[in-house]
Structure formats: C-alpha cells, structure tokens
Amino acid sequence: MPRLEPDTPATAEHFIKMIDEALLEIQDVYNALEYEMDGLSKAMDFLPAVDTQLKHMKAELLDGTHQFGTADLDYMPMIAPQNTYVLPFKRLLMEINRIHRQGLKE
C-alpha cells in the first residue's frame, strides 16, 4: 500500500487499510512472542491496548460514528518511548494518529 506524504489527509478506505496493516503488524508481534519470551514480551505489554483501540476505531469508521479530533489517540503515550527496533511499525501508528487528529480528505 502506498504511504501518504506527511500532511496528506486520507480517504476512509485508505485509513481503514492503514489500520488493518497495523493490526496485522500487531498479530505478527504476538506470533513472534510465542517463541521469544525473554525481555521482548515485557517490552511489548502495551500492545493489547493498542490492538483494542485500533479495532474499536475501525468499527467506528465502518459504522460512521468515529469522531476525528485534535486529541492524540490513547496509545500515543505508550508508543512514544518505543524505538523502531522494538516497534518497527511505530511510524504507521503515528501516521494513523496524525490522520485521526486532522481528519479525512473526503
């Protein structure tokens, strides 16, 4: 999927695809954690909250009730201290937050 340039609002369809991509990335981490239970699993203890919020937002987008606004998504303080080695899809999560704050192009 092509990435949006910074400050480019997304369509609802593109935004939902971005959320789906992030949910797949989270599932990949869950799958990897089944085999790697050392310090990585503790470092990723915030993922269930991110997963839940993304699923909730997707459901709202699909039923037309999602409210875009100026506040960050609840997961932002959880992912902010993470580096991209621990959270390789951090930029995607940040982009989803940006679009949530700025709204859609439609």
N, C-alpha and C. Protein backbone atom coordinates (compact mmCIF):
# COMPACT_ATOMS: atom_id res chain seq x y z
N MET A 1 0.84 -1.16 0.00
CA MET A 1 0.00 0.00 0.00
C MET A 1 0.90 1.23 0.00
N PRO A 2 0.64 2.19 -0.87
CA PRO A 2 1.46 3.39 -0.89
C PRO A 2 1.23 4.22 0.36
N ARG A 3 2.29 4.75 0.89
CA ARG A 3 2.21 5.61 2.07
C ARG A 3 1.81 7.01 1.65
N LEU A 4 1.12 7.69 2.55
CA LEU A 4 0.76 9.08 2.30
C LEU A 4 1.93 9.97 2.65
N GLU A 5 2.07 11.04 1.93
CA GLU A 5 3.05 12.05 2.28
C GLU A 5 2.59 12.73 3.57
N PRO A 6 3.52 13.20 4.39
CA PRO A 6 3.10 13.92 5.59
C PRO A 6 2.15 15.05 5.25
N ASP A 7 1.19 15.25 6.12
CA ASP A 7 0.18 16.30 5.98
C ASP A 7 -0.81 16.05 4.86
N THR A 8 -0.84 14.84 4.32
CA THR A 8 -1.84 14.50 3.31
C THR A 8 -2.96 13.72 3.98
N PRO A 9 -4.19 14.26 4.01
CA PRO A 9 -5.28 13.52 4.63
C PRO A 9 -5.64 12.29 3.80
N ALA A 10 -6.17 11.31 4.44
CA ALA A 10 -6.52 10.05 3.79
C ALA A 10 -8.01 9.95 3.53
N THR A 11 -8.36 9.05 2.62
CA THR A 11 -9.77 8.71 2.45
C THR A 11 -10.11 7.67 3.53
N ALA A 12 -11.38 7.46 3.77
CA ALA A 12 -11.80 6.48 4.78
C ALA A 12 -11.28 5.10 4.40
N GLU A 13 -11.35 4.76 3.13
CA GLU A 13 -10.88 3.45 2.67
C GLU A 13 -9.38 3.27 2.94
N HIS A 14 -8.60 4.27 2.62
CA HIS A 14 -7.16 4.21 2.86
C HIS A 14 -6.86 4.14 4.36
N PHE A 15 -7.58 4.91 5.15
CA PHE A 15 -7.38 4.93 6.59
C PHE A 15 -7.67 3.55 7.19
N ILE A 16 -8.75 2.92 6.75
CA ILE A 16 -9.09 1.58 7.25
C ILE A 16 -8.01 0.58 6.84
N LYS A 17 -7.47 0.71 5.63
CA LYS A 17 -6.38 -0.18 5.20
C LYS A 17 -5.14 0.02 6.07
N MET A 18 -4.87 1.25 6.45
CA MET A 18 -3.73 1.53 7.33
C MET A 18 -3.95 0.86 8.70
N ILE A 19 -5.16 0.96 9.21
CA ILE A 19 -5.48 0.32 10.49
C ILE A 19 -5.33 -1.19 10.37
N ASP A 20 -5.84 -1.75 9.26
CA ASP A 20 -5.69 -3.20 9.03
C ASP A 20 -4.22 -3.61 8.99
N GLU A 21 -3.40 -2.79 8.34
CA GLU A 21 -1.97 -3.07 8.27
C GLU A 21 -1.35 -3.07 9.67
N ALA A 22 -1.72 -2.09 10.49
CA ALA A 22 -1.21 -2.03 11.87
C ALA A 22 -1.68 -3.24 12.68
N LEU A 23 -2.93 -3.66 12.48
CA LEU A 23 -3.43 -4.84 13.20
C LEU A 23 -2.68 -6.10 12.78
N LEU A 24 -2.33 -6.21 11.50
CA LEU A 24 -1.52 -7.35 11.04
C LEU A 24 -0.13 -7.32 11.66
N GLU A 25 0.44 -6.13 11.76
CA GLU A 25 1.76 -5.99 12.39
C GLU A 25 1.70 -6.42 13.85
N ILE A 26 0.65 -6.03 14.55
CA ILE A 26 0.49 -6.44 15.95
C ILE A 26 0.36 -7.95 16.05
N GLN A 27 -0.42 -8.55 15.15
CA GLN A 27 -0.55 -10.01 15.16
C GLN A 27 0.79 -10.69 14.91
N ASP A 28 1.59 -10.13 14.02
CA ASP A 28 2.93 -10.68 13.78
C ASP A 28 3.78 -10.64 15.05
N VAL A 29 3.67 -9.55 15.81
CA VAL A 29 4.41 -9.46 17.07
C VAL A 29 3.91 -10.51 18.05
N TYR A 30 2.58 -10.67 18.15
CA TYR A 30 2.03 -11.71 19.03
C TYR A 30 2.58 -13.08 18.64
N ASN A 31 2.61 -13.35 17.33
CA ASN A 31 3.12 -14.64 16.87
C ASN A 31 4.59 -14.82 17.23
N ALA A 32 5.37 -13.77 17.08
CA ALA A 32 6.80 -13.84 17.41
C ALA A 32 7.00 -14.03 18.91
N LEU A 33 6.13 -13.42 19.71
CA LEU A 33 6.27 -13.52 21.16
C LEU A 33 6.02 -14.94 21.67
N GLU A 34 5.30 -15.75 20.89
CA GLU A 34 5.08 -17.14 21.28
C GLU A 34 6.41 -17.89 21.37
N TYR A 35 7.38 -17.46 20.58
CA TYR A 35 8.67 -18.14 20.53
C TYR A 35 9.75 -17.39 21.31
N GLU A 36 9.57 -16.11 21.53
CA GLU A 36 10.57 -15.27 22.18
C GLU A 36 9.96 -14.67 23.44
N MET A 37 10.16 -15.30 24.56
CA MET A 37 9.50 -14.84 25.77
C MET A 37 10.45 -14.11 26.72
N ASP A 38 11.62 -13.74 26.29
CA ASP A 38 12.56 -13.04 27.16
C ASP A 38 12.07 -11.63 27.45
N GLY A 39 12.94 -10.68 27.36
CA GLY A 39 12.61 -9.29 27.66
C GLY A 39 11.68 -8.65 26.67
N LEU A 40 11.59 -9.21 25.47
CA LEU A 40 10.75 -8.59 24.44
C LEU A 40 9.28 -8.60 24.83
N SER A 41 8.80 -9.69 25.41
CA SER A 41 7.38 -9.74 25.75
C SER A 41 7.04 -8.68 26.79
N LYS A 42 7.92 -8.43 27.73
CA LYS A 42 7.68 -7.39 28.72
C LYS A 42 7.70 -6.01 28.07
N ALA A 43 8.58 -5.82 27.10
CA ALA A 43 8.66 -4.54 26.40
C ALA A 43 7.43 -4.26 25.55
N MET A 44 6.68 -5.30 25.21
CA MET A 44 5.52 -5.15 24.34
C MET A 44 4.20 -5.25 25.10
N ASP A 45 4.21 -5.06 26.42
CA ASP A 45 2.99 -5.23 27.21
C ASP A 45 1.91 -4.19 26.90
N PHE A 46 2.25 -3.16 26.15
CA PHE A 46 1.28 -2.12 25.77
C PHE A 46 0.47 -2.52 24.52
N LEU A 47 0.91 -3.56 23.80
CA LEU A 47 0.26 -3.90 22.53
C LEU A 47 -1.22 -4.25 22.64
N PRO A 48 -1.67 -4.98 23.66
CA PRO A 48 -3.12 -5.25 23.72
C PRO A 48 -3.96 -3.98 23.74
N ALA A 49 -3.51 -2.94 24.42
CA ALA A 49 -4.26 -1.68 24.45
C ALA A 49 -4.29 -1.02 23.07
N VAL A 50 -3.17 -1.07 22.36
CA VAL A 50 -3.11 -0.51 21.00
C VAL A 50 -4.03 -1.30 20.09
N ASP A 51 -3.96 -2.61 20.18
CA ASP A 51 -4.80 -3.51 19.37
C ASP A 51 -6.28 -3.21 19.59
N THR A 52 -6.67 -3.11 20.85
CA THR A 52 -8.08 -2.84 21.18
C THR A 52 -8.53 -1.49 20.63
N GLN A 53 -7.69 -0.47 20.78
CA GLN A 53 -8.08 0.85 20.29
C GLN A 53 -8.21 0.87 18.77
N LEU A 54 -7.30 0.22 18.08
CA LEU A 54 -7.38 0.19 16.62
C LEU A 54 -8.63 -0.55 16.15
N LYS A 55 -8.94 -1.66 16.79
CA LYS A 55 -10.15 -2.42 16.41
C LYS A 55 -11.40 -1.60 16.67
N HIS A 56 -11.44 -0.89 17.79
CA HIS A 56 -12.58 -0.04 18.11
C HIS A 56 -12.73 1.10 17.09
N MET A 57 -11.61 1.72 16.74
CA MET A 57 -11.64 2.82 15.78
C MET A 57 -12.09 2.30 14.41
N LYS A 58 -11.62 1.14 14.00
CA LYS A 58 -12.04 0.57 12.72
C LYS A 58 -13.55 0.33 12.72
N ALA A 59 -14.08 -0.23 13.81
CA ALA A 59 -15.52 -0.46 13.89
C ALA A 59 -16.29 0.85 13.78
N GLU A 60 -15.81 1.89 14.44
CA GLU A 60 -16.45 3.21 14.34
C GLU A 60 -16.38 3.76 12.93
N LEU A 61 -15.25 3.58 12.26
CA LEU A 61 -15.13 4.06 10.88
C LEU A 61 -16.11 3.33 9.97
N LEU A 62 -16.24 2.04 10.18
CA LEU A 62 -17.13 1.25 9.33
C LEU A 62 -18.60 1.60 9.55
N ASP A 63 -18.95 1.94 10.80
CA ASP A 63 -20.36 2.29 11.03
C ASP A 63 -20.62 3.80 11.00
N GLY A 64 -19.57 4.57 10.70
CA GLY A 64 -19.74 6.01 10.52
C GLY A 64 -19.81 6.82 11.80
N THR A 65 -19.40 6.28 12.92
CA THR A 65 -19.51 7.01 14.18
C THR A 65 -18.18 7.54 14.71
N HIS A 66 -17.08 7.28 14.02
CA HIS A 66 -15.79 7.74 14.53
C HIS A 66 -15.72 9.26 14.51
N GLN A 67 -15.27 9.83 15.61
CA GLN A 67 -15.11 11.27 15.74
C GLN A 67 -13.64 11.63 15.61
N PHE A 68 -13.30 12.32 14.54
CA PHE A 68 -11.94 12.82 14.37
C PHE A 68 -11.80 14.05 15.25
N GLY A 69 -10.60 14.33 15.68
CA GLY A 69 -10.45 15.48 16.55
C GLY A 69 -9.01 15.91 16.71
N THR A 70 -8.79 16.79 17.67
CA THR A 70 -7.46 17.35 17.85
C THR A 70 -6.64 16.58 18.89
N ALA A 71 -7.26 15.72 19.67
CA ALA A 71 -6.53 14.98 20.71
C ALA A 71 -5.84 13.75 20.12
N ASP A 72 -4.68 13.44 20.67
CA ASP A 72 -3.98 12.22 20.28
C ASP A 72 -4.80 11.00 20.67
N LEU A 73 -4.58 9.91 19.95
CA LEU A 73 -5.16 8.63 20.33
C LEU A 73 -4.54 8.19 21.66
N ASP A 74 -5.27 7.41 22.42
CA ASP A 74 -4.83 6.99 23.75
C ASP A 74 -3.52 6.22 23.73
N TYR A 75 -3.21 5.56 22.62
CA TYR A 75 -1.98 4.76 22.59
C TYR A 75 -0.71 5.58 22.40
N MET A 76 -0.81 6.83 22.06
CA MET A 76 0.39 7.61 21.77
C MET A 76 1.38 7.68 22.94
N PRO A 77 0.94 7.91 24.19
CA PRO A 77 1.93 7.92 25.28
C PRO A 77 2.61 6.56 25.47
N MET A 78 1.94 5.48 25.09
CA MET A 78 2.53 4.15 25.24
C MET A 78 3.60 3.88 24.19
N ILE A 79 3.38 4.40 22.97
CA ILE A 79 4.35 4.10 21.91
C ILE A 79 5.45 5.14 21.81
N ALA A 80 5.21 6.32 22.37
CA ALA A 80 6.19 7.40 22.25
C ALA A 80 7.60 7.00 22.70
N PRO A 81 7.77 6.30 23.83
CA PRO A 81 9.13 5.97 24.26
C PRO A 81 9.75 4.79 23.52
N GLN A 82 8.98 4.12 22.68
CA GLN A 82 9.48 2.93 21.98
C GLN A 82 10.35 3.33 20.79
N ASN A 83 11.43 2.61 20.59
CA ASN A 83 12.22 2.86 19.38
C ASN A 83 11.75 1.91 18.29
N THR A 84 12.16 2.15 17.07
CA THR A 84 11.68 1.35 15.95
C THR A 84 12.27 -0.05 15.93
N TYR A 85 13.29 -0.30 16.73
CA TYR A 85 13.79 -1.68 16.85
C TYR A 85 12.77 -2.53 17.60
N VAL A 86 12.21 -1.98 18.67
CA VAL A 86 11.19 -2.69 19.46
C VAL A 86 9.84 -2.63 18.75
N LEU A 87 9.54 -1.51 18.13
CA LEU A 87 8.24 -1.30 17.49
C LEU A 87 8.46 -0.81 16.06
N PRO A 88 8.75 -1.74 15.13
CA PRO A 88 9.11 -1.34 13.77
C PRO A 88 7.99 -0.62 13.01
N PHE A 89 6.75 -0.76 13.46
CA PHE A 89 5.64 -0.09 12.77
C PHE A 89 5.17 1.14 13.55
N LYS A 90 6.05 1.70 14.35
CA LYS A 90 5.73 2.91 15.12
C LYS A 90 5.31 4.05 14.20
N ARG A 91 6.01 4.22 13.08
CA ARG A 91 5.65 5.31 12.14
C ARG A 91 4.24 5.16 11.61
N LEU A 92 3.82 3.92 11.36
CA LEU A 92 2.45 3.67 10.90
C LEU A 92 1.46 4.08 11.98
N LEU A 93 1.73 3.71 13.22
CA LEU A 93 0.84 4.09 14.32
C LEU A 93 0.80 5.61 14.49
N MET A 94 1.92 6.26 14.30
CA MET A 94 1.97 7.72 14.39
C MET A 94 1.20 8.37 13.24
N GLU A 95 1.26 7.78 12.06
CA GLU A 95 0.53 8.30 10.91
C GLU A 95 -0.98 8.14 11.12
N ILE A 96 -1.39 7.00 11.68
CA ILE A 96 -2.81 6.80 12.00
C ILE A 96 -3.27 7.88 12.98
N ASN A 97 -2.45 8.17 13.97
CA ASN A 97 -2.77 9.22 14.93
C ASN A 97 -2.89 10.58 14.24
N ARG A 98 -1.95 10.88 13.34
CA ARG A 98 -1.99 12.17 12.62
C ARG A 98 -3.28 12.32 11.84
N ILE A 99 -3.67 11.26 11.15
CA ILE A 99 -4.90 11.33 10.35
C ILE A 99 -6.12 11.46 11.26
N HIS A 100 -6.10 10.73 12.38
CA HIS A 100 -7.19 10.87 13.35
C HIS A 100 -7.32 12.33 13.81
N ARG A 101 -6.18 12.97 14.04
CA ARG A 101 -6.21 14.37 14.52
C ARG A 101 -6.66 15.34 13.43
N GLN A 102 -6.24 15.11 12.18
CA GLN A 102 -6.50 16.06 11.10
C GLN A 102 -7.77 15.78 10.32
N GLY A 103 -8.25 14.55 10.37
CA GLY A 103 -9.46 14.20 9.64
C GLY A 103 -9.16 13.70 8.24
N LEU A 104 -10.18 13.34 7.54
CA LEU A 104 -10.08 12.74 6.21
C LEU A 104 -10.25 13.77 5.11
N LYS A 105 -9.83 13.39 3.92
CA LYS A 105 -9.91 14.25 2.74
C LYS A 105 -11.34 14.34 2.21
N GLU A 106 -12.11 13.31 2.43
CA GLU A 106 -13.44 13.20 1.82
C GLU A 106 -14.31 14.33 2.15
